[in-house]
Amino acid sequence: MNSKNFRNAIRAIVLVSSFGFCGVAAASTTVSDGQPSNSPGLAAGLLSTTGLNTAGIIGSAVGSFAAGGVSFAGDVRRFALPGQGYTGAAAAAGGKPWNAWVAYSRSNVDYTFAPLRSSGNVNVYLGGVDYTFANNVVFGVAVARDRTDVDLQFSSGKLTGSGTTVAPYIGVPLSKQWALDATLGIGRTDVDTVNLGVTGSTTDDRTIGSLGLSYRESIDKWQLTGRGAYLTVHDKLGAYTLSNGTLVPDGTVNVSQFRLYGQVAYDAGYLVPYVGLSYINDVRRPDQAPVGGLSAANDNDAWTPVIGVRFKTDGSVYGSVQYSSERNRSEVKNDQFLFNIGIRF
């Protein structure tokens, strides 16, 4: 081999080696970006959804229970978990103070920020029992089981989660139209990730809370509802080691929202159809840092139209079916289906 060919061979080896090292670096970066602790925008859009769904459903339900307890004292039937119905007063003649309910929530989520493109679903199964005292104050406890299944399309990977949250709640009627509600819960979700064949497992210790104020008015067969609420979710992700030996540090994701909701419903007898609209403002939400030179939108506001129908029976059974779709976030989508059924006893 002459000197010229030798130099060319050396250059080729160096070039191939450079591409190899770049490929390893790119893969490591992709695997690292796929970990929730390293990508707060991804975690807020996918994991914090669980806590927000749980706090929102319970909080709005308690606001409904407490407000209806005095607004519709002549009707002992309780209505609609999502906070859009009314309840009968337990203190009224023939009223039943105990209430048990179950609910199922499915959110189809999509994070369209190209470097971290992901989509999947979050399923929350809830059950609660509460007691309405003679002064119409409602106190109860809810338990939520969550299941998260998300495709990490940017790395052909997967993020899954399974956990439990326990949340006591209270509702206090302030007048015939106004009611105050509060919820505080703690839980844990086991999180598993797969990115480019590299696996990892961690835990998400979650704290949720909500504080709400509801207003209800009935005009003939029309029911008008207004609600303002503050929701907060704290996710503490533990440190863990990936299957390739990479240490992923612990991290926290804090999301707090202020929500305003208005609804109009019509009492058609056993069925009560309704429409509503929510405004959501993220008071606190982590910004997703740029990835690969691209910046995320990091939107802080959203509008959520709601449509649903409540049902009641001649007995103590009640329930509702509802669909909502979060709008105005350019890179985060959240379409939710909610069903609940309950009984007074």
C-alpha atoms as a PDB file:
ATOM      1  CA  MET A   1       0.000   0.000   0.000  1.00  0.00           C
ATOM      2  CA  ASN A   2       1.485   3.364  -1.003  1.00  0.00           C
ATOM      3  CA  SER A   3       1.507   6.334   1.345  1.00  0.00           C
ATOM      4  CA  LYS A   4      -1.432   8.012  -0.404  1.00  0.00           C
ATOM      5  CA  ASN A   5      -3.669   4.944  -0.076  1.00  0.00           C
ATOM      6  CA  PHE A   6      -2.562   4.510   3.538  1.00  0.00           C
ATOM      7  CA  ARG A   7      -3.555   8.106   4.363  1.00  0.00           C
ATOM      8  CA  ASN A   8      -6.943   7.609   2.665  1.00  0.00           C
ATOM      9  CA  ALA A   9      -7.549   4.413   4.655  1.00  0.00           C
ATOM     10  CA  ILE A  10      -6.739   6.192   7.901  1.00  0.00           C
ATOM     11  CA  ARG A  11      -9.141   9.018   6.996  1.00  0.00           C
ATOM     12  CA  ALA A  12     -11.895   6.492   6.238  1.00  0.00           C
ATOM     13  CA  ILE A  13     -11.364   4.767   9.578  1.00  0.00           C
ATOM     14  CA  VAL A  14     -11.465   8.098  11.408  1.00  0.00           C
ATOM     15  CA  LEU A  15     -14.613   9.132   9.511  1.00  0.00           C
ATOM     16  CA  VAL A  16     -16.402   5.849  10.262  1.00  0.00           C
ATOM     17  CA  SER A  17     -15.360   6.065  13.904  1.00  0.00           C
ATOM     18  CA  SER A  18     -16.673   9.613  14.115  1.00  0.00           C
ATOM     19  CA  PHE A  19     -20.038   8.563  12.735  1.00  0.00           C
ATOM     20  CA  GLY A  20     -20.090   5.651  15.176  1.00  0.00           C
ATOM     21  CA  PHE A  21     -19.439   7.883  18.155  1.00  0.00           C
ATOM     22  CA  CYS A  22     -22.039  10.392  16.930  1.00  0.00           C
ATOM     23  CA  GLY A  23     -24.564   7.588  16.586  1.00  0.00           C
ATOM     24  CA  VAL A  24     -23.898   6.440  20.150  1.00  0.00           C
ATOM     25  CA  ALA A  25     -24.228   9.992  21.437  1.00  0.00           C
ATOM     26  CA  ALA A  26     -27.470  10.501  19.544  1.00  0.00           C
ATOM     27  CA  ALA A  27     -28.866   7.227  20.863  1.00  0.00           C
ATOM     28  CA  SER A  28     -27.838   8.105  24.431  1.00  0.00           C
ATOM     29  CA  THR A  29     -29.478  11.505  24.100  1.00  0.00           C
ATOM     30  CA  THR A  30     -32.685   9.945  22.779  1.00  0.00           C
ATOM     31  CA  VAL A  31     -32.774   7.369  25.565  1.00  0.00           C
ATOM     32  CA  SER A  32     -32.113  10.071  28.144  1.00  0.00           C
ATOM     33  CA  ASP A  33     -34.789  12.367  26.727  1.00  0.00           C
ATOM     34  CA  GLY A  34     -37.297   9.517  26.985  1.00  0.00           C
ATOM     35  CA  GLN A  35     -36.997   9.445  30.775  1.00  0.00           C
ATOM     36  CA  PRO A  36     -39.706  11.461  32.603  1.00  0.00           C
ATOM     37  CA  SER A  37     -37.233  12.994  35.059  1.00  0.00           C
ATOM     38  CA  ASN A  38     -35.205  14.474  32.198  1.00  0.00           C
ATOM     39  CA  SER A  39     -38.148  15.809  30.200  1.00  0.00           C
ATOM     40  CA  PRO A  40     -40.559  17.711  32.488  1.00  0.00           C
ATOM     41  CA  GLY A  41     -42.748  18.745  29.574  1.00  0.00           C
ATOM     42  CA  LEU A  42     -43.242  15.101  28.672  1.00  0.00           C
ATOM     43  CA  ALA A  43     -43.946  14.171  32.300  1.00  0.00           C
ATOM     44  CA  ALA A  44     -46.409  17.040  32.777  1.00  0.00           C
ATOM     45  CA  GLY A  45     -48.286  16.126  29.619  1.00  0.00           C
ATOM     46  CA  LEU A  46     -48.435  12.388  30.314  1.00  0.00           C
ATOM     47  CA  LEU A  47     -48.004  11.640  34.045  1.00  0.00           C
ATOM     48  CA  SER A  48     -49.487  14.729  35.698  1.00  0.00           C
ATOM     49  CA  THR A  49     -52.657  14.135  33.678  1.00  0.00           C
ATOM     50  CA  THR A  50     -53.443  11.279  36.089  1.00  0.00           C
ATOM     51  CA  GLY A  51     -53.383  13.520  39.157  1.00  0.00           C
ATOM     52  CA  LEU A  52     -55.260  16.348  37.457  1.00  0.00           C
ATOM     53  CA  ASN A  53     -58.003  13.976  36.284  1.00  0.00           C
ATOM     54  CA  THR A  54     -58.382  12.493  39.764  1.00  0.00           C
ATOM     55  CA  ALA A  55     -58.433  15.845  41.573  1.00  0.00           C
ATOM     56  CA  GLY A  56     -60.774  17.408  39.006  1.00  0.00           C
ATOM     57  CA  ILE A  57     -63.326  14.588  39.049  1.00  0.00           C
ATOM     58  CA  ILE A  58     -63.474  14.290  42.835  1.00  0.00           C
ATOM     59  CA  GLY A  59     -63.488  18.047  43.429  1.00  0.00           C
ATOM     60  CA  SER A  60     -66.288  18.799  41.003  1.00  0.00           C
ATOM     61  CA  ALA A  61     -68.326  15.896  42.362  1.00  0.00           C
ATOM     62  CA  VAL A  62     -68.079  17.123  45.950  1.00  0.00           C
ATOM     63  CA  GLY A  63     -69.006  20.648  44.899  1.00  0.00           C
ATOM     64  CA  SER A  64     -72.120  19.219  43.277  1.00  0.00           C
ATOM     65  CA  PHE A  65     -73.003  17.097  46.286  1.00  0.00           C
ATOM     66  CA  ALA A  66     -72.680  19.983  48.729  1.00  0.00           C
ATOM     67  CA  ALA A  67     -74.456  22.595  46.604  1.00  0.00           C
ATOM     68  CA  GLY A  68     -77.352  20.318  45.712  1.00  0.00           C
ATOM     69  CA  GLY A  69     -77.793  19.319  49.327  1.00  0.00           C
ATOM     70  CA  VAL A  70     -79.444  22.652  50.052  1.00  0.00           C
ATOM     71  CA  SER A  71     -80.475  23.887  46.626  1.00  0.00           C
ATOM     72  CA  PHE A  72     -82.791  20.957  45.969  1.00  0.00           C
ATOM     73  CA  ALA A  73     -83.848  19.956  49.454  1.00  0.00           C
ATOM     74  CA  GLY A  74     -87.184  18.725  48.176  1.00  0.00           C
ATOM     75  CA  ASP A  75     -85.606  16.028  45.995  1.00  0.00           C
ATOM     76  CA  VAL A  76     -83.761  13.214  47.733  1.00  0.00           C
ATOM     77  CA  ARG A  77     -82.166  11.865  44.533  1.00  0.00           C
ATOM     78  CA  ARG A  78     -78.481  12.501  44.033  1.00  0.00           C
ATOM     79  CA  PHE A  79     -77.054  13.241  40.616  1.00  0.00           C
ATOM     80  CA  ALA A  80     -73.965  13.275  38.411  1.00  0.00           C
ATOM     81  CA  LEU A  81     -70.450  12.840  39.626  1.00  0.00           C
ATOM     82  CA  PRO A  82     -68.720  15.338  37.314  1.00  0.00           C
ATOM     83  CA  GLY A  83     -70.103  18.287  39.267  1.00  0.00           C
ATOM     84  CA  GLN A  84     -72.806  19.213  36.821  1.00  0.00           C
ATOM     85  CA  GLY A  85     -75.818  17.696  38.580  1.00  0.00           C
ATOM     86  CA  TYR A  86     -77.678  18.207  41.794  1.00  0.00           C
ATOM     87  CA  THR A  87     -78.081  16.152  44.913  1.00  0.00           C
ATOM     88  CA  GLY A  88     -80.885  15.572  47.354  1.00  0.00           C
ATOM     89  CA  ALA A  89     -80.482  16.783  50.921  1.00  0.00           C
ATOM     90  CA  ALA A  90     -79.726  13.980  53.317  1.00  0.00           C
ATOM     91  CA  ALA A  91     -81.402  16.037  56.029  1.00  0.00           C
ATOM     92  CA  ALA A  92     -84.646  16.253  54.058  1.00  0.00           C
ATOM     93  CA  ALA A  93     -87.541  13.984  54.929  1.00  0.00           C
ATOM     94  CA  GLY A  94     -86.765  10.516  53.585  1.00  0.00           C
ATOM     95  CA  GLY A  95     -83.224  11.510  52.635  1.00  0.00           C
ATOM     96  CA  LYS A  96     -80.475   8.865  52.675  1.00  0.00           C
ATOM     97  CA  PRO A  97     -77.195  10.122  54.125  1.00  0.00           C
ATOM     98  CA  TRP A  98     -74.815   7.549  52.599  1.00  0.00           C
ATOM     99  CA  ASN A  99     -73.625   7.751  49.009  1.00  0.00           C
ATOM    100  CA  ALA A 100     -71.414   5.303  47.085  1.00  0.00           C
ATOM    101  CA  TRP A 101     -70.169   5.871  43.566  1.00  0.00           C
ATOM    102  CA  VAL A 102     -67.782   4.478  40.966  1.00  0.00           C
ATOM    103  CA  ALA A 103     -66.383   6.202  37.893  1.00  0.00           C
ATOM    104  CA  TYR A 104     -64.223   5.469  34.887  1.00  0.00           C
ATOM    105  CA  SER A 105     -62.177   8.110  33.065  1.00  0.00           C
ATOM    106  CA  ARG A 106     -60.221   7.546  29.851  1.00  0.00           C
ATOM    107  CA  SER A 107     -58.009  10.295  28.477  1.00  0.00           C
ATOM    108  CA  ASN A 108     -56.462   9.996  25.021  1.00  0.00           C
ATOM    109  CA  VAL A 109     -53.332  12.126  25.226  1.00  0.00           C
ATOM    110  CA  ASP A 110     -50.986  13.322  22.499  1.00  0.00           C
ATOM    111  CA  TYR A 111     -47.728  15.267  22.904  1.00  0.00           C
ATOM    112  CA  THR A 112     -46.864  16.517  19.416  1.00  0.00           C
ATOM    113  CA  PHE A 113     -43.555  18.289  20.162  1.00  0.00           C
ATOM    114  CA  ALA A 114     -41.572  16.572  17.387  1.00  0.00           C
ATOM    115  CA  PRO A 115     -38.402  15.561  19.304  1.00  0.00           C
ATOM    116  CA  LEU A 116     -40.555  13.922  22.021  1.00  0.00           C
ATOM    117  CA  ARG A 117     -43.615  12.939  19.964  1.00  0.00           C
ATOM    118  CA  SER A 118     -45.780  10.607  22.087  1.00  0.00           C
ATOM    119  CA  SER A 119     -49.380   9.455  22.272  1.00  0.00           C
ATOM    120  CA  GLY A 120     -51.435   7.029  24.321  1.00  0.00           C
ATOM    121  CA  ASN A 121     -54.070   6.819  26.991  1.00  0.00           C
ATOM    122  CA  VAL A 122     -54.520   7.334  30.718  1.00  0.00           C
ATOM    123  CA  ASN A 123     -57.239   5.291  32.432  1.00  0.00           C
ATOM    124  CA  VAL A 124     -58.445   6.168  35.923  1.00  0.00           C
ATOM    125  CA  TYR A 125     -60.854   3.968  37.878  1.00  0.00           C
ATOM    126  CA  LEU A 126     -62.404   5.690  40.893  1.00  0.00           C
ATOM    127  CA  GLY A 127     -64.659   4.688  43.737  1.00  0.00           C
ATOM    128  CA  GLY A 128     -65.871   6.679  46.722  1.00  0.00           C
ATOM    129  CA  VAL A 129     -68.124   6.619  49.751  1.00  0.00           C
ATOM    130  CA  ASP A 130     -69.374   9.715  51.575  1.00  0.00           C
ATOM    131  CA  TYR A 131     -71.808  10.738  54.282  1.00  0.00           C
ATOM    132  CA  THR A 132     -73.994  13.845  54.343  1.00  0.00           C
ATOM    133  CA  PHE A 133     -74.513  15.186  57.850  1.00  0.00           C
ATOM    134  CA  ALA A 134     -77.665  16.890  59.143  1.00  0.00           C
ATOM    135  CA  ASN A 135     -76.176  20.309  58.300  1.00  0.00           C
ATOM    136  CA  ASN A 136     -75.574  19.074  54.704  1.00  0.00           C
ATOM    137  CA  VAL A 137     -71.790  18.952  55.069  1.00  0.00           C
ATOM    138  CA  VAL A 138     -70.436  16.081  52.952  1.00  0.00           C
ATOM    139  CA  PHE A 139     -67.371  14.065  53.980  1.00  0.00           C
ATOM    140  CA  GLY A 140     -65.976  11.045  52.184  1.00  0.00           C
ATOM    141  CA  VAL A 141     -62.980   9.141  50.847  1.00  0.00           C
ATOM    142  CA  ALA A 142     -62.191   8.196  47.260  1.00  0.00           C
ATOM    143  CA  VAL A 143     -59.714   5.650  45.906  1.00  0.00           C
ATOM    144  CA  ALA A 144     -58.341   5.880  42.361  1.00  0.00           C
ATOM    145  CA  ARG A 145     -56.460   3.277  40.327  1.00  0.00           C
ATOM    146  CA  ASP A 146     -54.557   4.590  37.332  1.00  0.00           C
ATOM    147  CA  ARG A 147     -53.182   2.912  34.216  1.00  0.00           C
ATOM    148  CA  THR A 148     -50.969   4.761  31.731  1.00  0.00           C
ATOM    149  CA  ASP A 149     -49.971   3.351  28.332  1.00  0.00           C
ATOM    150  CA  VAL A 150     -48.058   5.706  26.033  1.00  0.00           C
ATOM    151  CA  ASP A 151     -46.109   5.082  22.826  1.00  0.00           C
ATOM    152  CA  LEU A 152     -42.873   7.101  22.713  1.00  0.00           C
ATOM    153  CA  GLN A 153     -42.897   7.480  18.969  1.00  0.00           C
ATOM    154  CA  PHE A 154     -39.674   9.493  18.836  1.00  0.00           C
ATOM    155  CA  SER A 155     -37.716   6.434  20.017  1.00  0.00           C
ATOM    156  CA  SER A 156     -40.077   3.565  19.131  1.00  0.00           C
ATOM    157  CA  GLY A 157     -40.362   3.125  22.868  1.00  0.00           C
ATOM    158  CA  LYS A 158     -42.993   2.796  25.556  1.00  0.00           C
ATOM    159  CA  LEU A 159     -43.968   4.428  28.838  1.00  0.00           C
ATOM    160  CA  THR A 160     -46.370   2.576  31.130  1.00  0.00           C
ATOM    161  CA  GLY A 161     -47.608   3.253  34.624  1.00  0.00           C
ATOM    162  CA  SER A 162     -49.812   1.673  37.277  1.00  0.00           C
ATOM    163  CA  GLY A 163     -50.712   3.168  40.643  1.00  0.00           C
ATOM    164  CA  THR A 164     -53.153   4.046  43.399  1.00  0.00           C
ATOM    165  CA  THR A 165     -54.276   7.323  44.984  1.00  0.00           C
ATOM    166  CA  VAL A 166     -56.322   7.779  48.177  1.00  0.00           C
ATOM    167  CA  ALA A 167     -58.111  11.115  48.607  1.00  0.00           C
ATOM    168  CA  PRO A 168     -60.407  12.281  51.443  1.00  0.00           C
ATOM    169  CA  TYR A 169     -62.834  15.050  50.439  1.00  0.00           C
ATOM    170  CA  ILE A 170     -65.243  17.488  52.060  1.00  0.00           C
ATOM    171  CA  GLY A 171     -68.046  19.711  50.780  1.00  0.00           C
ATOM    172  CA  VAL A 172     -69.533  22.594  52.758  1.00  0.00           C
ATOM    173  CA  PRO A 173     -72.718  24.430  51.655  1.00  0.00           C
ATOM    174  CA  LEU A 174     -72.409  28.185  52.212  1.00  0.00           C
ATOM    175  CA  SER A 175     -75.922  29.114  51.088  1.00  0.00           C
ATOM    176  CA  LYS A 176     -78.713  27.800  48.867  1.00  0.00           C
ATOM    177  CA  GLN A 177     -76.581  28.487  45.799  1.00  0.00           C
ATOM    178  CA  TRP A 178     -72.961  28.433  46.961  1.00  0.00           C
ATOM    179  CA  ALA A 179     -70.799  25.544  48.165  1.00  0.00           C
ATOM    180  CA  LEU A 180     -67.121  25.087  49.009  1.00  0.00           C
ATOM    181  CA  ASP A 181     -65.222  21.838  48.434  1.00  0.00           C
ATOM    182  CA  ALA A 182     -61.713  20.572  49.154  1.00  0.00           C
ATOM    183  CA  THR A 183     -59.782  17.422  48.244  1.00  0.00           C
ATOM    184  CA  LEU A 184     -56.346  16.211  49.339  1.00  0.00           C
ATOM    185  CA  GLY A 185     -54.790  12.939  48.215  1.00  0.00           C
ATOM    186  CA  ILE A 186     -51.558  10.963  48.100  1.00  0.00           C
ATOM    187  CA  GLY A 187     -50.573   8.109  45.828  1.00  0.00           C
ATOM    188  CA  ARG A 188     -47.853   6.215  44.037  1.00  0.00           C
ATOM    189  CA  THR A 189     -47.483   5.067  40.421  1.00  0.00           C
ATOM    190  CA  ASP A 190     -44.889   2.564  39.187  1.00  0.00           C
ATOM    191  CA  VAL A 191     -43.440   3.818  35.901  1.00  0.00           C
ATOM    192  CA  ASP A 192     -41.623   1.696  33.291  1.00  0.00           C
ATOM    193  CA  THR A 193     -39.897   2.978  30.150  1.00  0.00           C
ATOM    194  CA  VAL A 194     -38.434   1.311  27.055  1.00  0.00           C
ATOM    195  CA  ASN A 195     -36.325   3.376  24.640  1.00  0.00           C
ATOM    196  CA  LEU A 196     -34.298   1.820  21.797  1.00  0.00           C
ATOM    197  CA  GLY A 197     -34.166  -1.447  23.726  1.00  0.00           C
ATOM    198  CA  VAL A 198     -33.011   0.245  26.940  1.00  0.00           C
ATOM    199  CA  THR A 199     -35.370  -0.302  29.889  1.00  0.00           C
ATOM    200  CA  GLY A 200     -35.888   1.569  33.135  1.00  0.00           C
ATOM    201  CA  SER A 201     -38.238   1.547  36.126  1.00  0.00           C
ATOM    202  CA  THR A 202     -39.014   4.178  38.730  1.00  0.00           C
ATOM    203  CA  THR A 203     -41.756   5.338  41.087  1.00  0.00           C
ATOM    204  CA  ASP A 204     -43.851   8.483  40.989  1.00  0.00           C
ATOM    205  CA  ASP A 205     -44.962   9.612  44.458  1.00  0.00           C
ATOM    206  CA  ARG A 206     -47.907  11.937  43.859  1.00  0.00           C
ATOM    207  CA  THR A 207     -49.723  14.511  45.957  1.00  0.00           C
ATOM    208  CA  ILE A 208     -52.945  16.045  44.642  1.00  0.00           C
ATOM    209  CA  GLY A 209     -55.171  18.801  45.953  1.00  0.00           C
ATOM    210  CA  SER A 210     -58.114  20.909  44.885  1.00  0.00           C
ATOM    211  CA  LEU A 211     -60.118  23.782  46.339  1.00  0.00           C
ATOM    212  CA  GLY A 212     -63.321  24.819  44.627  1.00  0.00           C
ATOM    213  CA  LEU A 213     -66.289  27.143  44.859  1.00  0.00           C
ATOM    214  CA  SER A 214     -69.552  26.219  43.093  1.00  0.00           C
ATOM    215  CA  TYR A 215     -72.707  28.152  42.271  1.00  0.00           C
ATOM    216  CA  ARG A 216     -75.999  26.559  41.252  1.00  0.00           C
ATOM    217  CA  GLU A 217     -79.298  28.026  40.102  1.00  0.00           C
ATOM    218  CA  SER A 218     -82.491  26.395  38.852  1.00  0.00           C
ATOM    219  CA  ILE A 219     -84.925  28.244  36.569  1.00  0.00           C
ATOM    220  CA  ASP A 220     -87.934  26.061  35.845  1.00  0.00           C
ATOM    221  CA  LYS A 221     -86.388  23.026  34.100  1.00  0.00           C
ATOM    222  CA  TRP A 222     -83.105  24.781  33.357  1.00  0.00           C
ATOM    223  CA  GLN A 223     -80.113  24.219  35.629  1.00  0.00           C
ATOM    224  CA  LEU A 224     -77.218  26.687  35.594  1.00  0.00           C
ATOM    225  CA  THR A 225     -73.864  25.819  37.146  1.00  0.00           C
ATOM    226  CA  GLY A 226     -70.715  27.840  37.678  1.00  0.00           C
ATOM    227  CA  ARG A 227     -67.505  26.681  39.317  1.00  0.00           C
ATOM    228  CA  GLY A 228     -64.039  28.014  40.010  1.00  0.00           C
ATOM    229  CA  ALA A 229     -61.286  25.724  41.261  1.00  0.00           C
ATOM    230  CA  TYR A 230     -57.586  25.606  42.011  1.00  0.00           C
ATOM    231  CA  LEU A 231     -55.913  22.229  41.327  1.00  0.00           C
ATOM    232  CA  THR A 232     -52.364  21.227  42.147  1.00  0.00           C
ATOM    233  CA  VAL A 233     -50.334  18.075  41.477  1.00  0.00           C
ATOM    234  CA  HIS A 234     -46.843  17.297  42.782  1.00  0.00           C
ATOM    235  CA  ASP A 235     -45.049  14.349  41.142  1.00  0.00           C
ATOM    236  CA  LYS A 236     -41.822  13.164  42.778  1.00  0.00           C
ATOM    237  CA  LEU A 237     -39.908  10.806  40.475  1.00  0.00           C
ATOM    238  CA  GLY A 238     -37.280   8.587  42.086  1.00  0.00           C
ATOM    239  CA  ALA A 239     -33.741   8.048  40.801  1.00  0.00           C
ATOM    240  CA  TYR A 240     -33.064   4.816  38.882  1.00  0.00           C
ATOM    241  CA  THR A 241     -30.502   3.045  36.719  1.00  0.00           C
ATOM    242  CA  LEU A 242     -31.254   2.084  33.112  1.00  0.00           C
ATOM    243  CA  SER A 243     -30.466  -1.372  31.776  1.00  0.00           C
ATOM    244  CA  ASN A 244     -27.429   0.087  29.969  1.00  0.00           C
ATOM    245  CA  GLY A 245     -26.007   1.300  33.282  1.00  0.00           C
ATOM    246  CA  THR A 246     -26.959   4.977  32.900  1.00  0.00           C
ATOM    247  CA  LEU A 247     -28.091   6.653  36.123  1.00  0.00           C
ATOM    248  CA  VAL A 248     -31.219   8.779  35.816  1.00  0.00           C
ATOM    249  CA  PRO A 249     -31.435  11.328  38.668  1.00  0.00           C
ATOM    250  CA  ASP A 250     -34.609  11.965  40.613  1.00  0.00           C
ATOM    251  CA  GLY A 251     -36.850  14.854  39.664  1.00  0.00           C
ATOM    252  CA  THR A 252     -40.043  16.706  40.496  1.00  0.00           C
ATOM    253  CA  VAL A 253     -42.866  17.963  38.314  1.00  0.00           C
ATOM    254  CA  ASN A 254     -45.294  20.521  39.749  1.00  0.00           C
ATOM    255  CA  VAL A 255     -48.443  21.504  37.893  1.00  0.00           C
ATOM    256  CA  SER A 256     -51.040  23.923  39.286  1.00  0.00           C
ATOM    257  CA  GLN A 257     -54.138  25.066  37.421  1.00  0.00           C
ATOM    258  CA  PHE A 258     -56.916  27.570  37.875  1.00  0.00           C
ATOM    259  CA  ARG A 259     -60.156  26.440  36.233  1.00  0.00           C
ATOM    260  CA  LEU A 260     -63.400  28.262  35.498  1.00  0.00           C
ATOM    261  CA  TYR A 261     -66.404  26.249  34.389  1.00  0.00           C
ATOM    262  CA  GLY A 262     -69.908  27.106  33.240  1.00  0.00           C
ATOM    263  CA  GLN A 263     -72.732  24.779  32.262  1.00  0.00           C
ATOM    264  CA  VAL A 264     -76.335  24.760  31.120  1.00  0.00           C
ATOM    265  CA  ALA A 265     -78.525  21.668  31.633  1.00  0.00           C
ATOM    266  CA  TYR A 266     -82.156  20.883  30.896  1.00  0.00           C
ATOM    267  CA  ASP A 267     -84.202  18.539  33.084  1.00  0.00           C
ATOM    268  CA  ALA A 268     -86.145  16.332  30.672  1.00  0.00           C
ATOM    269  CA  GLY A 269     -87.218  13.860  33.323  1.00  0.00           C
ATOM    270  CA  TYR A 270     -85.076  10.768  33.651  1.00  0.00           C
ATOM    271  CA  LEU A 271     -82.469  12.271  31.336  1.00  0.00           C
ATOM    272  CA  VAL A 272     -80.742  15.639  31.753  1.00  0.00           C
ATOM    273  CA  PRO A 273     -78.562  16.651  28.780  1.00  0.00           C
ATOM    274  CA  TYR A 274     -75.992  19.397  29.322  1.00  0.00           C
ATOM    275  CA  VAL A 275     -73.253  21.398  27.639  1.00  0.00           C
ATOM    276  CA  GLY A 276     -70.432  23.274  29.289  1.00  0.00           C
ATOM    277  CA  LEU A 277     -67.183  25.130  28.750  1.00  0.00           C
ATOM    278  CA  SER A 278     -64.041  25.265  30.897  1.00  0.00           C
ATOM    279  CA  TYR A 279     -61.162  27.713  30.839  1.00  0.00           C
ATOM    280  CA  ILE A 280     -57.865  26.329  32.154  1.00  0.00           C
ATOM    281  CA  ASN A 281     -54.837  28.417  33.106  1.00  0.00           C
ATOM    282  CA  ASP A 282     -51.595  26.731  34.147  1.00  0.00           C
ATOM    283  CA  VAL A 283     -50.484  28.844  37.076  1.00  0.00           C
ATOM    284  CA  ARG A 284     -47.422  26.634  37.421  1.00  0.00           C
ATOM    285  CA  ARG A 285     -46.125  24.151  34.876  1.00  0.00           C
ATOM    286  CA  PRO A 286     -42.532  23.195  33.965  1.00  0.00           C
ATOM    287  CA  ASP A 287     -41.305  24.370  30.578  1.00  0.00           C
ATOM    288  CA  GLN A 288     -39.886  21.740  28.290  1.00  0.00           C
ATOM    289  CA  ALA A 289     -36.288  22.670  27.437  1.00  0.00           C
ATOM    290  CA  PRO A 290     -35.213  22.722  23.764  1.00  0.00           C
ATOM    291  CA  VAL A 291     -34.314  19.323  22.298  1.00  0.00           C
ATOM    292  CA  GLY A 292     -32.072  19.035  19.259  1.00  0.00           C
ATOM    293  CA  GLY A 293     -32.280  22.789  18.749  1.00  0.00           C
ATOM    294  CA  LEU A 294     -36.090  22.783  18.650  1.00  0.00           C
ATOM    295  CA  SER A 295     -38.172  24.649  21.237  1.00  0.00           C
ATOM    296  CA  ALA A 296     -41.505  23.450  22.619  1.00  0.00           C
ATOM    297  CA  ALA A 297     -44.587  25.681  22.596  1.00  0.00           C
ATOM    298  CA  ASN A 298     -45.096  25.390  26.395  1.00  0.00           C
ATOM    299  CA  ASP A 299     -48.694  26.671  26.197  1.00  0.00           C
ATOM    300  CA  ASN A 300     -50.298  27.728  29.489  1.00  0.00           C
ATOM    301  CA  ASP A 301     -53.966  28.159  28.526  1.00  0.00           C
ATOM    302  CA  ALA A 302     -56.700  25.891  27.217  1.00  0.00           C
ATOM    303  CA  TRP A 303     -60.447  25.779  26.560  1.00  0.00           C
ATOM    304  CA  THR A 304     -62.415  22.599  27.102  1.00  0.00           C
ATOM    305  CA  PRO A 305     -65.923  22.169  25.657  1.00  0.00           C
ATOM    306  CA  VAL A 306     -68.015  19.529  27.440  1.00  0.00           C
ATOM    307  CA  ILE A 307     -71.118  17.601  26.390  1.00  0.00           C
ATOM    308  CA  GLY A 308     -72.941  14.952  28.374  1.00  0.00           C
ATOM    309  CA  VAL A 309     -76.126  13.535  29.787  1.00  0.00           C
ATOM    310  CA  ARG A 310     -77.111  12.607  33.326  1.00  0.00           C
ATOM    311  CA  PHE A 311     -79.673   9.993  34.189  1.00  0.00           C
ATOM    312  CA  LYS A 312     -81.791   9.290  37.238  1.00  0.00           C
ATOM    313  CA  THR A 313     -84.207   6.594  38.302  1.00  0.00           C
ATOM    314  CA  ASP A 314     -87.267   6.333  40.506  1.00  0.00           C
ATOM    315  CA  GLY A 315     -84.983   4.872  43.144  1.00  0.00           C
ATOM    316  CA  SER A 316     -81.622   5.973  44.515  1.00  0.00           C
ATOM    317  CA  VAL A 317     -79.455   5.228  41.470  1.00  0.00           C
ATOM    318  CA  TYR A 318     -77.965   8.070  39.419  1.00  0.00           C
ATOM    319  CA  GLY A 319     -75.171   8.555  36.891  1.00  0.00           C
ATOM    320  CA  SER A 320     -73.798  10.370  33.874  1.00  0.00           C
ATOM    321  CA  VAL A 321     -71.828  10.024  30.641  1.00  0.00           C
ATOM    322  CA  GLN A 322     -69.589  12.860  29.475  1.00  0.00           C
ATOM    323  CA  TYR A 323     -67.112  13.737  26.724  1.00  0.00           C
ATOM    324  CA  SER A 324     -64.665  16.659  26.736  1.00  0.00           C
ATOM    325  CA  SER A 325     -61.818  17.808  24.503  1.00  0.00           C
ATOM    326  CA  GLU A 326     -59.063  20.169  25.608  1.00  0.00           C
ATOM    327  CA  ARG A 327     -58.361  22.838  22.991  1.00  0.00           C
ATOM    328  CA  ASN A 328     -55.930  25.695  22.314  1.00  0.00           C
ATOM    329  CA  ARG A 329     -52.710  23.884  23.267  1.00  0.00           C
ATOM    330  CA  SER A 330     -50.685  23.575  20.080  1.00  0.00           C
ATOM    331  CA  GLU A 331     -48.642  20.543  21.197  1.00  0.00           C
ATOM    332  CA  VAL A 332     -50.758  18.885  23.906  1.00  0.00           C
ATOM    333  CA  LYS A 333     -54.075  17.149  23.284  1.00  0.00           C
ATOM    334  CA  ASN A 334     -56.361  15.569  25.874  1.00  0.00           C
ATOM    335  CA  ASP A 335     -59.721  14.064  24.924  1.00  0.00           C
ATOM    336  CA  GLN A 336     -61.588  12.549  27.861  1.00  0.00           C
ATOM    337  CA  PHE A 337     -64.500  10.143  28.230  1.00  0.00           C
ATOM    338  CA  LEU A 338     -66.082   9.926  31.691  1.00  0.00           C
ATOM    339  CA  PHE A 339     -68.756   7.608  33.040  1.00  0.00           C
ATOM    340  CA  ASN A 340     -70.068   7.302  36.578  1.00  0.00           C
ATOM    341  CA  ILE A 341     -72.835   5.618  38.485  1.00  0.00           C
ATOM    342  CA  GLY A 342     -73.824   5.911  42.135  1.00  0.00           C
ATOM    343  CA  ILE A 343     -76.419   4.995  44.711  1.00  0.00           C
ATOM    344  CA  ARG A 344     -77.827   6.583  47.850  1.00  0.00           C
ATOM    345  CA  PHE A 345     -78.470   4.382  50.858  1.00  0.00           C
END
